[in-house]
PDB file of N, CA and C in Angstrom:
ATOM      1  N   MET A   1      -1.895 -18.944   8.592  1.00  0.00           N
ATOM      2  CA  MET A   1      -1.472 -18.037   8.052  1.00  0.00           C
ATOM      3  C   MET A   1      -1.146 -17.003   9.560  1.00  0.00           C
ATOM      4  N   SER A   2      -0.510 -16.093   9.204  1.00  0.00           N
ATOM      5  CA  SER A   2      -0.093 -14.972  10.416  1.00  0.00           C
ATOM      6  C   SER A   2      -1.308 -14.161  10.940  1.00  0.00           C
ATOM      7  N   ASP A   3      -1.549 -13.783  12.013  1.00  0.00           N
ATOM      8  CA  ASP A   3      -2.468 -12.819  12.405  1.00  0.00           C
ATOM      9  C   ASP A   3      -1.806 -11.591  12.283  1.00  0.00           C
ATOM     10  N   GLN A   4      -0.592 -11.237  12.161  1.00  0.00           N
ATOM     11  CA  GLN A   4       0.160  -9.997  11.760  1.00  0.00           C
ATOM     12  C   GLN A   4      -0.207  -9.541  10.280  1.00  0.00           C
ATOM     13  N   ILE A   5      -0.434  -8.266  10.221  1.00  0.00           N
ATOM     14  CA  ILE A   5      -0.936  -7.401   8.691  1.00  0.00           C
ATOM     15  C   ILE A   5      -0.007  -6.875   8.485  1.00  0.00           C
ATOM     16  N   PRO A   6       0.692  -6.598   7.343  1.00  0.00           N
ATOM     17  CA  PRO A   6       1.916  -5.930   7.017  1.00  0.00           C
ATOM     18  C   PRO A   6       1.377  -4.517   6.803  1.00  0.00           C
ATOM     19  N   LEU A   7       2.163  -3.876   7.548  1.00  0.00           N
ATOM     20  CA  LEU A   7       1.720  -2.060   7.380  1.00  0.00           C
ATOM     21  C   LEU A   7       3.208  -1.189   6.903  1.00  0.00           C
ATOM     22  N   PRO A   8       2.855  -0.555   5.917  1.00  0.00           N
ATOM     23  CA  PRO A   8       4.024   0.424   5.432  1.00  0.00           C
ATOM     24  C   PRO A   8       4.421   1.355   6.213  1.00  0.00           C
ATOM     25  N   THR A   9       5.710   2.024   6.117  1.00  0.00           N
ATOM     26  CA  THR A   9       5.956   2.949   6.923  1.00  0.00           C
ATOM     27  C   THR A   9       5.956   4.247   6.318  1.00  0.00           C
ATOM     28  N   ILE A  10       6.069   5.524   6.654  1.00  0.00           N
ATOM     29  CA  ILE A  10       5.535   6.576   5.434  1.00  0.00           C
ATOM     30  C   ILE A  10       6.553   6.750   4.995  1.00  0.00           C
ATOM     31  N   ARG A  11       7.583   6.280   5.000  1.00  0.00           N
ATOM     32  CA  ARG A  11       8.780   6.437   4.049  1.00  0.00           C
ATOM     33  C   ARG A  11       8.514   5.214   3.026  1.00  0.00           C
ATOM     34  N   GLN A  12       8.325   4.105   3.127  1.00  0.00           N
ATOM     35  CA  GLN A  12       7.986   3.097   2.278  1.00  0.00           C
ATOM     36  C   GLN A  12       6.851   3.394   1.482  1.00  0.00           C
ATOM     37  N   PHE A  13       5.789   4.135   1.964  1.00  0.00           N
ATOM     38  CA  PHE A  13       4.575   4.427   1.485  1.00  0.00           C
ATOM     39  C   PHE A  13       4.818   5.404   0.397  1.00  0.00           C
ATOM     40  N   ALA A  14       5.625   6.579   0.669  1.00  0.00           N
ATOM     41  CA  ALA A  14       6.082   7.474  -0.214  1.00  0.00           C
ATOM     42  C   ALA A  14       7.027   7.159  -1.417  1.00  0.00           C
ATOM     43  N   GLU A  15       7.701   6.048  -1.007  1.00  0.00           N
ATOM     44  CA  GLU A  15       8.746   5.996  -2.095  1.00  0.00           C
ATOM     45  C   GLU A  15       8.361   4.720  -2.966  1.00  0.00           C
ATOM     46  N   GLU A  16       7.680   3.926  -2.758  1.00  0.00           N
ATOM     47  CA  GLU A  16       7.038   2.783  -3.228  1.00  0.00           C
ATOM     48  C   GLU A  16       5.821   3.258  -4.262  1.00  0.00           C
ATOM     49  N   LEU A  17       5.207   4.062  -3.643  1.00  0.00           N
ATOM     50  CA  LEU A  17       3.793   4.644  -4.406  1.00  0.00           C
ATOM     51  C   LEU A  17       3.832   5.771  -4.912  1.00  0.00           C
ATOM     52  N   VAL A  18       5.456   6.348  -5.395  1.00  0.00           N
ATOM     53  CA  VAL A  18       5.842   7.553  -6.297  1.00  0.00           C
ATOM     54  C   VAL A  18       5.416   7.308  -7.571  1.00  0.00           C
ATOM     55  N   LYS A  19       5.701   5.701  -7.654  1.00  0.00           N
ATOM     56  CA  LYS A  19       5.767   5.126  -8.994  1.00  0.00           C
ATOM     57  C   LYS A  19       4.105   5.144  -9.823  1.00  0.00           C
ATOM     58  N   GLU A  20       3.167   5.606  -8.944  1.00  0.00           N
ATOM     59  CA  GLU A  20       1.801   5.586  -9.259  1.00  0.00           C
ATOM     60  C   GLU A  20       1.543   7.253  -9.028  1.00  0.00           C
ATOM     61  N   PRO A  21       1.558   7.882 -10.020  1.00  0.00           N
ATOM     62  CA  PRO A  21       1.179   9.438 -10.227  1.00  0.00           C
ATOM     63  C   PRO A  21      -0.268   9.799  -9.942  1.00  0.00           C
ATOM     64  N   ARG A  22      -0.850   8.771 -10.190  1.00  0.00           N
ATOM     65  CA  ARG A  22      -2.732   9.126  -9.611  1.00  0.00           C
ATOM     66  C   ARG A  22      -2.780   8.956  -7.884  1.00  0.00           C
ATOM     67  N   TRP A  23      -2.068   9.641  -7.353  1.00  0.00           N
ATOM     68  CA  TRP A  23      -2.187   9.784  -5.894  1.00  0.00           C
ATOM     69  C   TRP A  23      -3.389   9.660  -5.694  1.00  0.00           C
ATOM     70  N   TYR A  24      -4.446  10.658  -6.184  1.00  0.00           N
ATOM     71  CA  TYR A  24      -5.507  11.246  -5.885  1.00  0.00           C
ATOM     72  C   TYR A  24      -6.668  10.095  -6.011  1.00  0.00           C
ATOM     73  N   ASP A  25      -6.630   9.222  -7.194  1.00  0.00           N
ATOM     74  CA  ASP A  25      -7.278   8.099  -7.501  1.00  0.00           C
ATOM     75  C   ASP A  25      -6.939   6.953  -6.390  1.00  0.00           C
ATOM     76  N   LEU A  26      -5.731   6.752  -6.012  1.00  0.00           N
ATOM     77  CA  LEU A  26      -5.196   5.873  -4.967  1.00  0.00           C
ATOM     78  C   LEU A  26      -5.923   6.089  -3.761  1.00  0.00           C
ATOM     79  N   GLY A  27      -6.087   7.347  -3.427  1.00  0.00           N
ATOM     80  CA  GLY A  27      -6.960   7.776  -2.326  1.00  0.00           C
ATOM     81  C   GLY A  27      -8.186   7.410  -1.945  1.00  0.00           C
ATOM     82  N   VAL A  28      -8.913   7.793  -3.586  1.00  0.00           N
ATOM     83  CA  VAL A  28     -10.108   7.658  -3.449  1.00  0.00           C
ATOM     84  C   VAL A  28     -10.510   5.864  -3.101  1.00  0.00           C
ATOM     85  N   PHE A  29      -9.785   5.269  -3.835  1.00  0.00           N
ATOM     86  CA  PHE A  29     -10.030   3.617  -3.827  1.00  0.00           C
ATOM     87  C   PHE A  29      -9.349   3.153  -2.283  1.00  0.00           C
ATOM     88  N   LEU A  30      -8.453   3.896  -1.525  1.00  0.00           N
ATOM     89  CA  LEU A  30      -8.318   3.614  -0.056  1.00  0.00           C
ATOM     90  C   LEU A  30      -9.638   4.494   1.059  1.00  0.00           C
ATOM     91  N   ASN A  31     -10.505   4.679   0.650  1.00  0.00           N
ATOM     92  CA  ASN A  31     -11.524   5.277   1.083  1.00  0.00           C
ATOM     93  C   ASN A  31     -11.531   6.748   1.575  1.00  0.00           C
ATOM     94  N   VAL A  32     -10.512   7.143   1.050  1.00  0.00           N
ATOM     95  CA  VAL A  32     -10.434   8.652   1.840  1.00  0.00           C
ATOM     96  C   VAL A  32     -11.481   9.990   1.223  1.00  0.00           C
ATOM     97  N   PRO A  33     -12.113  10.722   1.833  1.00  0.00           N
ATOM     98  CA  PRO A  33     -12.938  11.700   1.134  1.00  0.00           C
ATOM     99  C   PRO A  33     -12.489  12.701   0.338  1.00  0.00           C
ATOM    100  N   THR A  34     -13.258  12.750  -1.261  1.00  0.00           N
ATOM    101  CA  THR A  34     -12.631  13.682  -2.050  1.00  0.00           C
ATOM    102  C   THR A  34     -12.243  14.988  -1.397  1.00  0.00           C
ATOM    103  N   TYR A  35     -13.124  15.141  -0.448  1.00  0.00           N
ATOM    104  CA  TYR A  35     -12.660  16.953   0.340  1.00  0.00           C
ATOM    105  C   TYR A  35     -11.477  17.187   0.990  1.00  0.00           C
ATOM    106  N   GLU A  36     -11.361  15.561   1.244  1.00  0.00           N
ATOM    107  CA  GLU A  36      -9.798  15.595   1.823  1.00  0.00           C
ATOM    108  C   GLU A  36      -8.506  15.493   1.060  1.00  0.00           C
ATOM    109  N   LEU A  37      -8.775  14.776  -0.147  1.00  0.00           N
ATOM    110  CA  LEU A  37      -7.749  14.914  -0.823  1.00  0.00           C
ATOM    111  C   LEU A  37      -7.682  16.229  -2.067  1.00  0.00           C
ATOM    112  N   ASP A  38      -9.060  16.767  -2.003  1.00  0.00           N
ATOM    113  CA  ASP A  38      -8.958  18.016  -2.293  1.00  0.00           C
ATOM    114  C   ASP A  38      -7.914  19.163  -1.564  1.00  0.00           C
ATOM    115  N   VAL A  39      -7.834  18.968  -0.280  1.00  0.00           N
ATOM    116  CA  VAL A  39      -7.327  19.723   0.632  1.00  0.00           C
ATOM    117  C   VAL A  39      -5.620  19.581   0.410  1.00  0.00           C
ATOM    118  N   ILE A  40      -5.542  18.127   0.342  1.00  0.00           N
ATOM    119  CA  ILE A  40      -3.885  17.968   0.083  1.00  0.00           C
ATOM    120  C   ILE A  40      -3.610  18.544  -1.321  1.00  0.00           C
ATOM    121  N   ASN A  41      -4.332  18.393  -2.250  1.00  0.00           N
ATOM    122  CA  ASN A  41      -4.071  18.473  -3.580  1.00  0.00           C
ATOM    123  C   ASN A  41      -3.703  20.096  -3.555  1.00  0.00           C
ATOM    124  N   VAL A  42      -4.761  21.127  -2.979  1.00  0.00           N
ATOM    125  CA  VAL A  42      -4.267  22.339  -3.095  1.00  0.00           C
ATOM    126  C   VAL A  42      -2.877  22.853  -2.090  1.00  0.00           C
ATOM    127  N   ALA A  43      -2.811  22.525  -1.021  1.00  0.00           N
ATOM    128  CA  ALA A  43      -1.764  22.711  -0.217  1.00  0.00           C
ATOM    129  C   ALA A  43      -0.519  22.049  -0.590  1.00  0.00           C
ATOM    130  N   ARG A  44      -0.316  21.116  -1.573  1.00  0.00           N
ATOM    131  CA  ARG A  44       1.130  20.894  -1.962  1.00  0.00           C
ATOM    132  C   ARG A  44       1.184  20.724  -3.414  1.00  0.00           C
ATOM    133  N   ASP A  45       0.362  22.055  -4.248  1.00  0.00           N
ATOM    134  CA  ASP A  45       0.490  21.855  -5.389  1.00  0.00           C
ATOM    135  C   ASP A  45       1.344  21.972  -6.198  1.00  0.00           C
ATOM    136  N   TYR A  46       2.474  22.229  -5.862  1.00  0.00           N
ATOM    137  CA  TYR A  46       3.823  22.351  -6.435  1.00  0.00           C
ATOM    138  C   TYR A  46       4.879  21.449  -5.837  1.00  0.00           C
ATOM    139  N   GLN A  47       4.268  20.601  -5.110  1.00  0.00           N
ATOM    140  CA  GLN A  47       5.406  20.003  -4.206  1.00  0.00           C
ATOM    141  C   GLN A  47       6.251  18.399  -4.945  1.00  0.00           C
ATOM    142  N   GLY A  48       4.892  18.189  -5.861  1.00  0.00           N
ATOM    143  CA  GLY A  48       5.064  16.836  -6.405  1.00  0.00           C
ATOM    144  C   GLY A  48       4.139  15.818  -5.702  1.00  0.00           C
ATOM    145  N   THR A  49       4.152  14.450  -6.043  1.00  0.00           N
ATOM    146  CA  THR A  49       3.518  13.393  -5.993  1.00  0.00           C
ATOM    147  C   THR A  49       4.179  12.926  -4.691  1.00  0.00           C
ATOM    148  N   GLN A  50       5.244  13.075  -4.158  1.00  0.00           N
ATOM    149  CA  GLN A  50       5.878  12.294  -3.069  1.00  0.00           C
ATOM    150  C   GLN A  50       5.125  12.927  -1.800  1.00  0.00           C
ATOM    151  N   ARG A  51       5.287  14.466  -2.045  1.00  0.00           N
ATOM    152  CA  ARG A  51       4.740  15.099  -1.069  1.00  0.00           C
ATOM    153  C   ARG A  51       3.300  14.840  -0.437  1.00  0.00           C
ATOM    154  N   ARG A  52       2.283  14.824  -1.800  1.00  0.00           N
ATOM    155  CA  ARG A  52       1.009  14.432  -1.465  1.00  0.00           C
ATOM    156  C   ARG A  52       1.042  13.145  -0.934  1.00  0.00           C
ATOM    157  N   LEU A  53       1.581  12.019  -1.531  1.00  0.00           N
ATOM    158  CA  LEU A  53       1.630  10.672  -0.801  1.00  0.00           C
ATOM    159  C   LEU A  53       2.127  10.807   0.531  1.00  0.00           C
ATOM    160  N   ILE A  54       2.668  11.419   1.030  1.00  0.00           N
ATOM    161  CA  ILE A  54       3.342  11.498   2.694  1.00  0.00           C
ATOM    162  C   ILE A  54       2.260  12.261   3.345  1.00  0.00           C
ATOM    163  N   GLU A  55       1.500  13.568   2.952  1.00  0.00           N
ATOM    164  CA  GLU A  55       0.130  14.240   3.342  1.00  0.00           C
ATOM    165  C   GLU A  55      -0.744  13.126   3.452  1.00  0.00           C
ATOM    166  N   LEU A  56      -0.688  12.121   2.269  1.00  0.00           N
ATOM    167  CA  LEU A  56      -2.234  11.241   2.648  1.00  0.00           C
ATOM    168  C   LEU A  56      -1.814  10.341   3.552  1.00  0.00           C
ATOM    169  N   PHE A  57      -0.445   9.869   3.709  1.00  0.00           N
ATOM    170  CA  PHE A  57      -0.301   8.961   4.748  1.00  0.00           C
ATOM    171  C   PHE A  57      -0.734   9.397   6.002  1.00  0.00           C
ATOM    172  N   LYS A  58       0.084  11.020   6.018  1.00  0.00           N
ATOM    173  CA  LYS A  58      -0.441  11.586   7.539  1.00  0.00           C
ATOM    174  C   LYS A  58      -2.100  11.587   7.870  1.00  0.00           C
ATOM    175  N   TYR A  59      -2.780  11.812   6.754  1.00  0.00           N
ATOM    176  CA  TYR A  59      -3.908  11.566   6.954  1.00  0.00           C
ATOM    177  C   TYR A  59      -4.632  10.543   7.684  1.00  0.00           C
ATOM    178  N   PHE A  60      -3.932   9.411   7.533  1.00  0.00           N
ATOM    179  CA  PHE A  60      -4.324   8.312   7.851  1.00  0.00           C
ATOM    180  C   PHE A  60      -4.047   8.178   9.454  1.00  0.00           C
ATOM    181  N   GLN A  61      -2.964   8.579   9.609  1.00  0.00           N
ATOM    182  CA  GLN A  61      -2.641   8.868  10.854  1.00  0.00           C
ATOM    183  C   GLN A  61      -2.909   9.303  11.627  1.00  0.00           C
ATOM    184  N   SER A  62      -3.873  10.898  11.337  1.00  0.00           N
ATOM    185  CA  SER A  62      -4.349  11.553  12.127  1.00  0.00           C
ATOM    186  C   SER A  62      -5.944  11.226  12.258  1.00  0.00           C
ATOM    187  N   HIS A  63      -6.112  10.431  11.486  1.00  0.00           N
ATOM    188  CA  HIS A  63      -7.733  10.065  11.677  1.00  0.00           C
ATOM    189  C   HIS A  63      -7.690   8.791  12.448  1.00  0.00           C
ATOM    190  N   GLY A  64      -6.552   8.130  12.659  1.00  0.00           N
ATOM    191  CA  GLY A  64      -6.772   6.875  13.536  1.00  0.00           C
ATOM    192  C   GLY A  64      -6.771   5.646  12.379  1.00  0.00           C
ATOM    193  N   LYS A  65      -6.444   5.848  11.436  1.00  0.00           N
ATOM    194  CA  LYS A  65      -6.854   4.892  10.373  1.00  0.00           C
ATOM    195  C   LYS A  65      -5.736   3.752   9.978  1.00  0.00           C
ATOM    196  N   VAL A  66      -5.889   2.599   9.973  1.00  0.00           N
ATOM    197  CA  VAL A  66      -4.540   1.813   9.468  1.00  0.00           C
ATOM    198  C   VAL A  66      -4.711   1.448   8.065  1.00  0.00           C
ATOM    199  N   VAL A  67      -3.642   1.292   7.487  1.00  0.00           N
ATOM    200  CA  VAL A  67      -3.650   1.207   6.064  1.00  0.00           C
ATOM    201  C   VAL A  67      -2.742   0.155   5.745  1.00  0.00           C
ATOM    202  N   SER A  68      -3.115  -1.303   5.375  1.00  0.00           N
ATOM    203  CA  SER A  68      -1.734  -2.130   5.393  1.00  0.00           C
ATOM    204  C   SER A  68      -1.569  -2.254   3.762  1.00  0.00           C
ATOM    205  N   TRP A  69      -0.489  -2.945   3.535  1.00  0.00           N
ATOM    206  CA  TRP A  69      -0.101  -3.294   2.130  1.00  0.00           C
ATOM    207  C   TRP A  69      -1.190  -3.849   1.589  1.00  0.00           C
ATOM    208  N   ASN A  70      -2.052  -4.704   2.004  1.00  0.00           N
ATOM    209  CA  ASN A  70      -3.090  -5.685   1.500  1.00  0.00           C
ATOM    210  C   ASN A  70      -3.977  -4.292   0.797  1.00  0.00           C
ATOM    211  N   ASP A  71      -4.269  -3.491   1.535  1.00  0.00           N
ATOM    212  CA  ASP A  71      -5.482  -2.488   1.384  1.00  0.00           C
ATOM    213  C   ASP A  71      -4.845  -1.714  -0.154  1.00  0.00           C
ATOM    214  N   ILE A  72      -3.686  -1.348  -0.052  1.00  0.00           N
ATOM    215  CA  ILE A  72      -2.648  -0.758  -0.883  1.00  0.00           C
ATOM    216  C   ILE A  72      -2.697  -1.676  -2.330  1.00  0.00           C
ATOM    217  N   VAL A  73      -2.515  -2.808  -2.311  1.00  0.00           N
ATOM    218  CA  VAL A  73      -2.572  -3.576  -3.529  1.00  0.00           C
ATOM    219  C   VAL A  73      -3.883  -3.940  -4.064  1.00  0.00           C
ATOM    220  N   ASP A  74      -4.671  -3.909  -3.251  1.00  0.00           N
ATOM    221  CA  ASP A  74      -6.346  -4.066  -3.458  1.00  0.00           C
ATOM    222  C   ASP A  74      -6.602  -2.878  -4.477  1.00  0.00           C
ATOM    223  N   ALA A  75      -6.185  -1.561  -3.846  1.00  0.00           N
ATOM    224  CA  ALA A  75      -6.822  -0.456  -4.430  1.00  0.00           C
ATOM    225  C   ALA A  75      -5.970  -0.099  -5.759  1.00  0.00           C
ATOM    226  N   LEU A  76      -4.879  -0.440  -5.823  1.00  0.00           N
ATOM    227  CA  LEU A  76      -3.917  -0.595  -7.096  1.00  0.00           C
ATOM    228  C   LEU A  76      -4.008  -1.372  -7.932  1.00  0.00           C
ATOM    229  N   THR A  77      -4.649  -2.615  -7.792  1.00  0.00           N
ATOM    230  CA  THR A  77      -5.474  -3.353  -8.798  1.00  0.00           C
ATOM    231  C   THR A  77      -7.001  -3.046  -9.155  1.00  0.00           C
ATOM    232  N   LYS A  78      -7.671  -2.603  -8.661  1.00  0.00           N
ATOM    233  CA  LYS A  78      -8.764  -1.914  -8.810  1.00  0.00           C
ATOM    234  C   LYS A  78      -8.646  -0.514  -9.945  1.00  0.00           C
ATOM    235  N   MET A  79      -7.118   0.113  -9.617  1.00  0.00           N
ATOM    236  CA  MET A  79      -6.826   1.018 -10.537  1.00  0.00           C
ATOM    237  C   MET A  79      -6.601   0.496 -11.773  1.00  0.00           C
ATOM    238  N   GLN A  80      -6.246  -0.876 -12.010  1.00  0.00           N
ATOM    239  CA  GLN A  80      -5.691  -1.660 -13.293  1.00  0.00           C
ATOM    240  C   GLN A  80      -4.047  -1.276 -13.325  1.00  0.00           C
ATOM    241  N   ARG A  81      -3.397  -1.117 -12.007  1.00  0.00           N
ATOM    242  CA  ARG A  81      -2.128  -1.172 -12.063  1.00  0.00           C
ATOM    243  C   ARG A  81      -1.709  -2.267 -11.283  1.00  0.00           C
ATOM    244  N   LYS A  82      -2.139  -3.236 -11.876  1.00  0.00           N
ATOM    245  CA  LYS A  82      -1.824  -4.707 -11.538  1.00  0.00           C
ATOM    246  C   LYS A  82      -0.192  -4.730 -11.504  1.00  0.00           C
ATOM    247  N   ASP A  83       1.130  -4.576 -12.260  1.00  0.00           N
ATOM    248  CA  ASP A  83       1.963  -4.248 -12.223  1.00  0.00           C
ATOM    249  C   ASP A  83       2.524  -3.980 -11.244  1.00  0.00           C
ATOM    250  N   LEU A  84       2.132  -2.662 -10.541  1.00  0.00           N
ATOM    251  CA  LEU A  84       2.975  -2.218  -9.372  1.00  0.00           C
ATOM    252  C   LEU A  84       2.159  -2.992  -8.347  1.00  0.00           C
ATOM    253  N   ALA A  85       0.808  -3.529  -8.416  1.00  0.00           N
ATOM    254  CA  ALA A  85       0.018  -4.263  -7.076  1.00  0.00           C
ATOM    255  C   ALA A  85       1.221  -5.231  -6.964  1.00  0.00           C
ATOM    256  N   ASP A  86       1.394  -6.387  -8.121  1.00  0.00           N
ATOM    257  CA  ASP A  86       2.012  -7.599  -7.833  1.00  0.00           C
ATOM    258  C   ASP A  86       3.440  -7.315  -7.295  1.00  0.00           C
ATOM    259  N   GLN A  87       3.844  -6.488  -7.778  1.00  0.00           N
ATOM    260  CA  GLN A  87       5.592  -5.950  -7.285  1.00  0.00           C
ATOM    261  C   GLN A  87       5.513  -5.208  -5.816  1.00  0.00           C
ATOM    262  N   LEU A  88       4.504  -5.104  -5.261  1.00  0.00           N
ATOM    263  CA  LEU A  88       4.489  -4.684  -3.754  1.00  0.00           C
ATOM    264  C   LEU A  88       3.603  -5.891  -3.168  1.00  0.00           C
ATOM    265  N   HIS A  89       2.981  -6.472  -3.758  1.00  0.00           N
ATOM    266  CA  HIS A  89       2.333  -7.830  -3.108  1.00  0.00           C
ATOM    267  C   HIS A  89       3.787  -8.865  -2.823  1.00  0.00           C
ATOM    268  N   GLN A  90       4.493  -8.979  -4.008  1.00  0.00           N
ATOM    269  CA  GLN A  90       5.713  -9.961  -3.535  1.00  0.00           C
ATOM    270  C   GLN A  90       6.476  -9.219  -2.724  1.00  0.00           C
ATOM    271  N   LYS A  91       6.972  -8.187  -2.730  1.00  0.00           N
ATOM    272  CA  LYS A  91       7.706  -7.523  -1.826  1.00  0.00           C
ATOM    273  C   LYS A  91       7.650  -7.650  -0.534  1.00  0.00           C
ATOM    274  N   TYR A  92       6.459  -6.972  -0.019  1.00  0.00           N
ATOM    275  CA  TYR A  92       5.914  -6.449   1.300  1.00  0.00           C
ATOM    276  C   TYR A  92       4.929  -7.927   1.904  1.00  0.00           C
ATOM    277  N   ILE A  93       4.172  -8.298   1.089  1.00  0.00           N
ATOM    278  CA  ILE A  93       2.820  -9.323   1.632  1.00  0.00           C
ATOM    279  C   ILE A  93       3.752 -10.640   1.844  1.00  0.00           C
ATOM    280  N   LEU A  94       3.961 -11.211   0.810  1.00  0.00           N
ATOM    281  CA  LEU A  94       4.836 -12.681   0.335  1.00  0.00           C
ATOM    282  C   LEU A  94       5.909 -12.879   1.417  1.00  0.00           C
ATOM    283  N   GLN A  95       6.593 -12.075   1.791  1.00  0.00           N
ATOM    284  CA  GLN A  95       7.656 -11.984   2.326  1.00  0.00           C
ATOM    285  C   GLN A  95       7.680 -11.904   3.949  1.00  0.00           C
ATOM    286  N   THR A  96       6.259 -11.024   4.364  1.00  0.00           N
ATOM    287  CA  THR A  96       6.014 -11.182   5.716  1.00  0.00           C
ATOM    288  C   THR A  96       4.993 -12.219   6.136  1.00  0.00           C
ATOM    289  N   VAL A  97       4.493 -12.965   5.341  1.00  0.00           N
ATOM    290  CA  VAL A  97       3.468 -13.971   5.478  1.00  0.00           C
ATOM    291  C   VAL A  97       4.104 -15.380   5.698  1.00  0.00           C
ATOM    292  N   PRO A  98       4.377 -15.980   6.999  1.00  0.00           N
ATOM    293  CA  PRO A  98       5.147 -17.412   6.523  1.00  0.00           C
ATOM    294  C   PRO A  98       3.914 -18.569   6.041  1.00  0.00           C
ATOM    295  N   LEU A  99       4.696 -19.409   5.766  1.00  0.00           N
ATOM    296  CA  LEU A  99       4.014 -20.620   5.110  1.00  0.00           C
ATOM    297  C   LEU A  99       3.294 -21.505   5.928  1.00  0.00           C
ATOM    298  N   SER A 100       2.123 -21.713   5.684  1.00  0.00           N
ATOM    299  CA  SER A 100       1.444 -22.745   6.665  1.00  0.00           C
ATOM    300  C   SER A 100       2.358 -23.980   6.869  1.00  0.00           C
ATOM    301  N   PRO A 101       1.877 -24.683   7.964  1.00  0.00           N
ATOM    302  CA  PRO A 101       2.809 -26.001   8.156  1.00  0.00           C
ATOM    303  C   PRO A 101       2.579 -26.677   7.111  1.00  0.00           C
ATOM    304  N   HIS A 102       1.415 -27.321   6.620  1.00  0.00           N
ATOM    305  CA  HIS A 102       1.264 -28.061   5.478  1.00  0.00           C
ATOM    306  C   HIS A 102       2.215 -27.483   4.538  1.00  0.00           C
ATOM    307  N   CYS A 103       2.279 -26.448   4.226  1.00  0.00           N
ATOM    308  CA  CYS A 103       2.826 -25.916   2.951  1.00  0.00           C
ATOM    309  C   CYS A 103       4.310 -26.066   3.057  1.00  0.00           C
ATOM    310  N   SER A 104       5.128 -25.913   4.120  1.00  0.00           N
ATOM    311  CA  SER A 104       6.460 -25.827   4.719  1.00  0.00           C
ATOM    312  C   SER A 104       6.626 -27.475   4.462  1.00  0.00           C
ATOM    313  N   GLU A 105       6.045 -27.959   4.919  1.00  0.00           N
ATOM    314  CA  GLU A 105       6.118 -29.402   4.790  1.00  0.00           C
ATOM    315  C   GLU A 105       6.340 -30.008   3.226  1.00  0.00           C
ATOM    316  N   ARG A 106       5.066 -29.584   2.441  1.00  0.00           N
ATOM    317  CA  ARG A 106       5.393 -29.852   0.950  1.00  0.00           C
ATOM    318  C   ARG A 106       6.669 -29.709   0.227  1.00  0.00           C
ATOM    319  N   GLN A 107       7.034 -28.274   0.746  1.00  0.00           N
ATOM    320  CA  GLN A 107       8.062 -27.349   0.092  1.00  0.00           C
ATOM    321  C   GLN A 107       9.369 -28.090   0.524  1.00  0.00           C
ATOM    322  N   GLU A 108       9.369 -28.776   1.752  1.00  0.00           N
ATOM    323  CA  GLU A 108      10.921 -29.542   2.315  1.00  0.00           C
ATOM    324  C   GLU A 108      10.773 -30.652   1.422  1.00  0.00           C
ATOM    325  N   SER A 109       9.517 -31.524   1.228  1.00  0.00           N
ATOM    326  CA  SER A 109       9.759 -32.496   0.631  1.00  0.00           C
ATOM    327  C   SER A 109      10.041 -32.484  -0.922  1.00  0.00           C
ATOM    328  N   GLU A 110       9.788 -31.614  -1.685  1.00  0.00           N
ATOM    329  CA  GLU A 110       9.663 -31.225  -3.017  1.00  0.00           C
ATOM    330  C   GLU A 110      11.661 -31.027  -3.208  1.00  0.00           C
ATOM    331  N   GLU A 111      12.138 -30.125  -2.347  1.00  0.00           N
ATOM    332  CA  GLU A 111      13.379 -29.904  -2.288  1.00  0.00           C
ATOM    333  C   GLU A 111      14.267 -31.291  -1.933  1.00  0.00           C
ATOM    334  N   ALA A 112      13.763 -32.165  -0.932  1.00  0.00           N
ATOM    335  CA  ALA A 112      14.632 -33.539  -0.866  1.00  0.00           C
ATOM    336  C   ALA A 112      15.063 -34.011  -2.210  1.00  0.00           C
TER     337      ALA A 112
END
């Protein structure tokens, strides 16, 4: 397995997670303090979910925290949003993690 952890860009974070309107719950499961989520909620009250997600991402950046796609998928799974979690896992995690040499050999022998 690769040591590289797939990280979202701010655009991917906002565009993919806008499908989950419970952004506040997502923040809780990503270990953001509720008072910080309340600040985002009040400041962006009329600007919609996508803008709140952008602010949530900026919170991570400004606090030096790294949130990977693995973290996001885990949070969505805990929120019982397995459908979205599976979709993001397939799109961002499985495509960036190369197969181990053993798996690659087995896959090549199956294709032959």
